[in-house]
C-alpha atoms as a PDB file:
ATOM      1  CA  MET A   1     -13.779-151.668   0.824  1.00  0.00           C
ATOM      2  CA  SER A   2     -13.768-152.463  -2.701  1.00  0.00           C
ATOM      3  CA  SER A   3     -15.208-150.682  -5.669  1.00  0.00           C
ATOM      4  CA  ASN A   4     -17.790-153.688  -6.427  1.00  0.00           C
ATOM      5  CA  GLN A   5     -18.813-153.242  -2.861  1.00  0.00           C
ATOM      6  CA  ARG A   6     -20.496-149.780  -3.185  1.00  0.00           C
ATOM      7  CA  ASN A   7     -23.883-148.738  -1.494  1.00  0.00           C
ATOM      8  CA  ASP A   8     -25.534-145.950  -0.960  1.00  0.00           C
ATOM      9  CA  GLY A   9     -23.188-144.007   0.480  1.00  0.00           C
ATOM     10  CA  VAL A  10     -20.869-143.493   3.793  1.00  0.00           C
ATOM     11  CA  ILE A  11     -21.489-141.120   6.581  1.00  0.00           C
ATOM     12  CA  PHE A  12     -18.985-139.119   8.528  1.00  0.00           C
ATOM     13  CA  GLY A  13     -20.246-137.559  11.698  1.00  0.00           C
ATOM     14  CA  GLY A  14     -18.789-135.402  14.386  1.00  0.00           C
ATOM     15  CA  THR A  15     -19.002-132.199  16.268  1.00  0.00           C
ATOM     16  CA  PHE A  16     -15.833-130.945  13.969  1.00  0.00           C
ATOM     17  CA  ASP A  17     -15.234-128.111  16.403  1.00  0.00           C
ATOM     18  CA  PRO A  18     -13.268-127.776  14.502  1.00  0.00           C
ATOM     19  CA  ILE A  19     -12.209-129.438  11.100  1.00  0.00           C
ATOM     20  CA  HIS A  20      -8.558-130.466  11.484  1.00  0.00           C
ATOM     21  CA  GLU A  21      -6.083-132.229   9.488  1.00  0.00           C
ATOM     22  CA  GLY A  22      -7.181-135.440  11.239  1.00  0.00           C
ATOM     23  CA  HIS A  23     -10.895-135.319   9.780  1.00  0.00           C
ATOM     24  CA  LEU A  24      -9.622-134.625   6.331  1.00  0.00           C
ATOM     25  CA  SER A  25      -7.310-137.525   6.547  1.00  0.00           C
ATOM     26  CA  VAL A  26     -10.455-139.392   7.088  1.00  0.00           C
ATOM     27  CA  ILE A  27     -12.096-137.765   4.344  1.00  0.00           C
ATOM     28  CA  ARG A  28      -9.464-137.919   2.028  1.00  0.00           C
ATOM     29  CA  THR A  29      -9.589-141.991   2.615  1.00  0.00           C
ATOM     30  CA  LEU A  30     -12.972-142.605   2.296  1.00  0.00           C
ATOM     31  CA  LEU A  31     -13.301-140.304  -1.255  1.00  0.00           C
ATOM     32  CA  VAL A  32     -11.023-143.191  -2.904  1.00  0.00           C
ATOM     33  CA  ASP A  33     -13.344-145.920  -1.955  1.00  0.00           C
ATOM     34  CA  TYR A  34     -17.183-144.389  -2.055  1.00  0.00           C
ATOM     35  CA  GLU A  35     -18.809-142.676  -4.906  1.00  0.00           C
ATOM     36  CA  ARG A  36     -20.634-140.772  -1.887  1.00  0.00           C
ATOM     37  CA  VAL A  37     -19.305-139.400   1.329  1.00  0.00           C
ATOM     38  CA  ILE A  38     -21.875-137.622   3.633  1.00  0.00           C
ATOM     39  CA  ILE A  39     -20.373-135.082   6.174  1.00  0.00           C
ATOM     40  CA  ALA A  40     -22.504-134.693   9.000  1.00  0.00           C
ATOM     41  CA  PRO A  41     -21.547-132.432  11.860  1.00  0.00           C
ATOM     42  CA  THR A  42     -23.738-132.844  15.175  1.00  0.00           C
ATOM     43  CA  GLY A  43     -25.533-130.318  16.759  1.00  0.00           C
ATOM     44  CA  GLN A  44     -24.325-131.271  19.990  1.00  0.00           C
ATOM     45  CA  ASN A  45     -22.103-134.463  20.598  1.00  0.00           C
ATOM     46  CA  PRO A  46     -24.566-135.704  23.512  1.00  0.00           C
ATOM     47  CA  TRP A  47     -20.863-137.539  25.310  1.00  0.00           C
ATOM     48  CA  LYS A  48     -19.556-133.782  25.700  1.00  0.00           C
ATOM     49  CA  PRO A  49     -20.733-131.769  28.252  1.00  0.00           C
ATOM     50  CA  GLU A  50     -19.406-128.550  26.842  1.00  0.00           C
ATOM     51  CA  GLN A  51     -21.660-126.790  24.170  1.00  0.00           C
ATOM     52  CA  ALA A  52     -19.915-126.969  20.578  1.00  0.00           C
ATOM     53  CA  THR A  53     -19.471-123.940  18.840  1.00  0.00           C
ATOM     54  CA  PRO A  54     -23.212-122.892  17.383  1.00  0.00           C
ATOM     55  CA  PHE A  55     -23.773-125.075  14.186  1.00  0.00           C
ATOM     56  CA  ALA A  56     -23.771-122.494  11.335  1.00  0.00           C
ATOM     57  CA  MET A  57     -20.157-121.839  12.231  1.00  0.00           C
ATOM     58  CA  ARG A  58     -18.763-125.153  12.219  1.00  0.00           C
ATOM     59  CA  PHE A  59     -20.634-126.152   9.450  1.00  0.00           C
ATOM     60  CA  HIS A  60     -18.970-122.465   7.694  1.00  0.00           C
ATOM     61  CA  MET A  61     -15.273-123.583   8.958  1.00  0.00           C
ATOM     62  CA  ILE A  62     -15.708-126.798   7.382  1.00  0.00           C
ATOM     63  CA  ALA A  63     -16.662-125.128   4.296  1.00  0.00           C
ATOM     64  CA  LEU A  64     -13.560-122.981   4.210  1.00  0.00           C
ATOM     65  CA  VAL A  65     -11.312-125.663   4.773  1.00  0.00           C
ATOM     66  CA  LEU A  66     -12.851-127.819   2.156  1.00  0.00           C
ATOM     67  CA  GLU A  67     -12.462-125.249  -0.572  1.00  0.00           C
ATOM     68  CA  SER A  68      -9.100-124.057   0.453  1.00  0.00           C
ATOM     69  CA  GLU A  69      -7.931-127.600   0.204  1.00  0.00           C
ATOM     70  CA  GLY A  70      -9.808-127.801  -3.314  1.00  0.00           C
ATOM     71  CA  ILE A  71     -11.804-130.679  -2.151  1.00  0.00           C
ATOM     72  CA  ARG A  72     -15.287-130.367  -4.103  1.00  0.00           C
ATOM     73  CA  TYR A  73     -18.316-130.700  -2.196  1.00  0.00           C
ATOM     74  CA  SER A  74     -21.949-130.189  -2.323  1.00  0.00           C
ATOM     75  CA  GLU A  75     -25.082-129.410  -0.267  1.00  0.00           C
ATOM     76  CA  ARG A  76     -27.452-131.671  -2.180  1.00  0.00           C
ATOM     77  CA  ILE A  77     -28.019-134.774  -0.761  1.00  0.00           C
ATOM     78  CA  LYS A  78     -29.154-136.715  -4.125  1.00  0.00           C
ATOM     79  CA  ASP A  79     -25.617-135.757  -5.945  1.00  0.00           C
ATOM     80  CA  ARG A  80     -22.346-137.923  -5.621  1.00  0.00           C
ATOM     81  CA  GLY A  81     -18.817-137.397  -3.996  1.00  0.00           C
ATOM     82  CA  LEU A  82     -18.635-135.299  -0.991  1.00  0.00           C
ATOM     83  CA  ILE A  83     -21.811-133.742   0.458  1.00  0.00           C
ATOM     84  CA  LEU A  84     -21.982-131.567   3.283  1.00  0.00           C
ATOM     85  CA  TYR A  85     -24.891-132.328   5.009  1.00  0.00           C
ATOM     86  CA  ASN A  86     -26.472-129.281   6.646  1.00  0.00           C
ATOM     87  CA  SER A  87     -29.020-130.111   9.125  1.00  0.00           C
ATOM     88  CA  PRO A  88     -27.853-130.748  12.878  1.00  0.00           C
ATOM     89  CA  TYR A  89     -28.385-133.936  14.425  1.00  0.00           C
ATOM     90  CA  LEU A  90     -28.219-135.160  18.273  1.00  0.00           C
ATOM     91  CA  PHE A  91     -27.967-138.833  17.945  1.00  0.00           C
ATOM     92  CA  SER A  92     -26.092-140.499  14.968  1.00  0.00           C
ATOM     93  CA  VAL A  93     -30.008-143.154  15.293  1.00  0.00           C
ATOM     94  CA  ASP A  94     -31.607-139.599  14.105  1.00  0.00           C
ATOM     95  CA  LEU A  95     -29.604-138.531  11.213  1.00  0.00           C
ATOM     96  CA  LEU A  96     -29.783-142.379  10.217  1.00  0.00           C
ATOM     97  CA  LYS A  97     -33.354-142.640  10.160  1.00  0.00           C
ATOM     98  CA  GLU A  98     -33.748-139.238   8.452  1.00  0.00           C
ATOM     99  CA  LEU A  99     -31.336-140.225   5.577  1.00  0.00           C
ATOM    100  CA  ARG A 100     -33.561-143.658   5.097  1.00  0.00           C
ATOM    101  CA  ARG A 101     -36.941-141.438   4.972  1.00  0.00           C
ATOM    102  CA  LYS A 102     -34.913-139.676   1.900  1.00  0.00           C
ATOM    103  CA  GLY A 103     -34.424-142.701   0.351  1.00  0.00           C
ATOM    104  CA  TYR A 104     -31.075-144.129   1.478  1.00  0.00           C
ATOM    105  CA  LYS A 105     -31.080-147.681   2.830  1.00  0.00           C
ATOM    106  CA  ALA A 106     -28.052-149.303   2.413  1.00  0.00           C
ATOM    107  CA  LEU A 107     -25.780-146.423   4.348  1.00  0.00           C
ATOM    108  CA  THR A 108     -22.513-147.189   6.017  1.00  0.00           C
ATOM    109  CA  TRP A 109     -20.740-145.353   8.737  1.00  0.00           C
ATOM    110  CA  ALA A 110     -17.347-143.993   8.896  1.00  0.00           C
ATOM    111  CA  VAL A 111     -15.600-143.652  12.256  1.00  0.00           C
ATOM    112  CA  GLY A 112     -11.597-142.673  12.886  1.00  0.00           C
ATOM    113  CA  ALA A 113     -10.012-145.512  14.490  1.00  0.00           C
ATOM    114  CA  ASP A 114      -9.492-143.169  17.454  1.00  0.00           C
ATOM    115  CA  ASN A 115     -13.049-143.623  17.506  1.00  0.00           C
ATOM    116  CA  ALA A 116     -13.726-147.064  16.797  1.00  0.00           C
ATOM    117  CA  ALA A 117     -14.400-148.698  20.229  1.00  0.00           C
ATOM    118  CA  SER A 118     -17.254-146.020  21.815  1.00  0.00           C
ATOM    119  CA  VAL A 119     -20.046-146.850  18.269  1.00  0.00           C
ATOM    120  CA  SER A 120     -21.511-149.725  20.568  1.00  0.00           C
ATOM    121  CA  GLU A 121     -22.212-147.660  22.930  1.00  0.00           C
ATOM    122  CA  TRP A 122     -24.304-144.959  21.005  1.00  0.00           C
ATOM    123  CA  ARG A 123     -27.803-144.604  21.547  1.00  0.00           C
ATOM    124  CA  ASP A 124     -30.018-147.587  19.944  1.00  0.00           C
ATOM    125  CA  TRP A 125     -27.052-148.496  17.600  1.00  0.00           C
ATOM    126  CA  SER A 126     -27.379-152.310  17.393  1.00  0.00           C
ATOM    127  CA  THR A 127     -30.902-151.953  16.443  1.00  0.00           C
ATOM    128  CA  LEU A 128     -30.202-149.702  13.201  1.00  0.00           C
ATOM    129  CA  GLY A 129     -28.189-152.375  11.300  1.00  0.00           C
ATOM    130  CA  CYS A 130     -25.584-150.044  10.167  1.00  0.00           C
ATOM    131  CA  PRO A 131     -22.213-151.238   9.168  1.00  0.00           C
ATOM    132  CA  VAL A 132     -19.196-149.471  10.377  1.00  0.00           C
ATOM    133  CA  VAL A 133     -16.246-148.926   8.952  1.00  0.00           C
ATOM    134  CA  THR A 134     -13.163-147.728  11.013  1.00  0.00           C
ATOM    135  CA  ILE A 135     -11.050-145.722   8.761  1.00  0.00           C
ATOM    136  CA  PRO A 136      -6.975-145.376  10.241  1.00  0.00           C
ATOM    137  CA  VAL A 137      -6.435-141.697  10.847  1.00  0.00           C
ATOM    138  CA  THR A 138      -3.243-140.598   8.963  1.00  0.00           C
ATOM    139  CA  ILE A 139      -2.525-137.469  11.260  1.00  0.00           C
ATOM    140  CA  ASP A 140      -3.460-137.399  14.432  1.00  0.00           C
ATOM    141  CA  ARG A 141      -4.991-134.465  15.831  1.00  0.00           C
ATOM    142  CA  HIS A 142      -7.691-133.499  18.113  1.00  0.00           C
ATOM    143  CA  ALA A 143     -10.473-130.403  18.379  1.00  0.00           C
ATOM    144  CA  SER A 144     -10.110-130.170  21.862  1.00  0.00           C
ATOM    145  CA  ALA A 145      -6.328-129.377  21.361  1.00  0.00           C
ATOM    146  CA  VAL A 146      -6.837-127.148  18.372  1.00  0.00           C
ATOM    147  CA  ARG A 147      -9.383-125.102  20.444  1.00  0.00           C
ATOM    148  CA  GLU A 148      -6.774-125.037  23.789  1.00  0.00           C
ATOM    149  CA  GLY A 149      -3.995-123.877  21.163  1.00  0.00           C
ATOM    150  CA  ARG A 150      -2.263-127.134  21.728  1.00  0.00           C
ATOM    151  CA  GLU A 151      -2.132-128.298  17.882  1.00  0.00           C
ATOM    152  CA  LEU A 152      -2.454-125.993  14.933  1.00  0.00           C
ATOM    153  CA  LEU A 153      -5.714-124.383  13.561  1.00  0.00           C
ATOM    154  CA  HIS A 154      -6.067-125.014   9.509  1.00  0.00           C
ATOM    155  CA  PRO A 155      -5.081-122.067   8.046  1.00  0.00           C
ATOM    156  CA  ALA A 156      -7.744-121.658   5.958  1.00  0.00           C
ATOM    157  CA  LEU A 157      -9.761-120.740   9.645  1.00  0.00           C
ATOM    158  CA  LYS A 158      -7.479-118.408  10.976  1.00  0.00           C
ATOM    159  CA  ASP A 159      -9.007-114.783  10.188  1.00  0.00           C
ATOM    160  CA  TYR A 160     -12.529-116.691  10.545  1.00  0.00           C
ATOM    161  CA  VAL A 161     -11.728-117.640  14.242  1.00  0.00           C
ATOM    162  CA  LYS A 162     -10.447-114.387  14.897  1.00  0.00           C
ATOM    163  CA  LEU A 163     -12.964-112.441  13.556  1.00  0.00           C
ATOM    164  CA  ASN A 164     -15.588-114.340  15.448  1.00  0.00           C
ATOM    165  CA  ARG A 165     -13.396-114.850  18.744  1.00  0.00           C
ATOM    166  CA  LEU A 166     -13.541-118.713  19.041  1.00  0.00           C
ATOM    167  CA  TYR A 167     -10.998-120.924  20.222  1.00  0.00           C
ATOM    168  CA  THR A 168      -9.018-117.634  21.775  1.00  0.00           C
ATOM    169  CA  ALA A 169      -5.884-120.148  22.235  1.00  0.00           C
ATOM    170  CA  SER A 170      -5.724-120.839  19.218  1.00  0.00           C
ATOM    171  CA  THR A 171      -5.538-117.395  17.800  1.00  0.00           C
END
């Protein structure tokens, strides 16, 4: 997206269970093209049968990783830059409706290239009029592989994960 096409912001949602280098590659790409990037962890991915790590823990892990990477963020939704949104939702449509009630009209939803094909299956997505931008994932990582210890946990999470006994295969 060119700089003269900016809008109210771009949303990058997901479970972030845990946040990993693939997520960071998308976030860095979005920060180049958008004045406001809203990182919005979901309360639970409705497409996955397993229960996610509690929202507060995932939110805290995102903050730990952003801070360790020197990526500045705010939790105030009206700020510019990177916003870490602290309000869990189940479906993307619910988050979009909530943000529109807060005054955002022209939002874009970002998905990593690995998830682009599934957007048309999201609940009520076709009725929302929200454009989707597909972002290349320059570091191919998957949270399930991190949880299972097949891929590396972000170094900033090692102590937190160990202390809270999360992803036991990763520690």
